[in-house]
Amino acid sequence: MLLKYRPRDKATNLFKMLLKYRPRDKAAKKERLLKRAQVENERRNR
């Protein structure tokens, strides 16, 4: 395991960084796509 080879503080920092790149859940993805579609729709209707 990773903790065997790295000091604990480095492993903690690594996992904190990896949280930023975690896949989004379905609800957050749906909300993000809806906002993006609304912006694109507003641009087209100008």
Protein backbone atom coordinates (compact mmCIF):
# COMPACT_ATOMS: atom_id res chain seq x y z
CA MET A 1 0.00 0.00 0.00
CA LEU A 2 1.03 3.58 -0.55
CA LEU A 3 1.40 4.39 3.14
CA LYS A 4 4.09 1.72 3.42
CA TYR A 5 6.40 3.58 1.06
CA ARG A 6 5.56 7.25 1.72
CA PRO A 7 5.53 9.23 4.94
CA ARG A 8 2.07 9.84 6.28
CA ASP A 9 2.05 13.61 5.61
CA LYS A 10 2.92 13.11 1.95
CA ALA A 11 0.20 10.51 1.57
CA THR A 12 -2.31 12.84 3.23
CA ASN A 13 -1.38 15.66 0.85
CA LEU A 14 -1.68 13.31 -2.10
CA PHE A 15 -5.18 12.19 -1.13
CA LYS A 16 -6.27 15.80 -0.57
CA MET A 17 -5.06 16.69 -4.04
CA LEU A 18 -6.76 13.67 -5.58
CA LEU A 19 -10.11 14.73 -4.08
CA LYS A 20 -10.14 17.63 -6.54
CA TYR A 21 -10.08 15.18 -9.45
CA ARG A 22 -12.73 12.84 -8.11
CA PRO A 23 -15.54 12.11 -10.58
CA ARG A 24 -18.67 14.17 -10.08
CA ASP A 25 -21.85 12.56 -8.89
CA LYS A 26 -24.82 12.38 -11.26
CA ALA A 27 -26.75 15.26 -9.67
CA ALA A 28 -23.81 17.67 -9.88
CA LYS A 29 -23.12 16.64 -13.46
CA LYS A 30 -26.75 17.19 -14.44
CA GLU A 31 -26.80 20.62 -12.81
CA ARG A 32 -23.56 21.64 -14.52
CA LEU A 33 -24.80 20.51 -17.93
CA LEU A 34 -28.11 22.35 -17.49
CA LYS A 35 -26.32 25.60 -16.67
CA ARG A 36 -24.06 25.16 -19.68
CA ALA A 37 -27.03 24.51 -21.96
CA GLN A 38 -28.81 27.62 -20.67
CA VAL A 39 -25.77 29.78 -21.39
CA GLU A 40 -25.46 28.38 -24.90
CA ASN A 41 -29.17 28.90 -25.49
CA GLU A 42 -28.93 32.55 -24.39
CA ARG A 43 -25.99 33.11 -26.76
CA ARG A 44 -27.92 31.70 -29.70
CA ASN A 45 -31.03 33.78 -28.99
CA ARG A 46 -29.20 37.13 -29.08
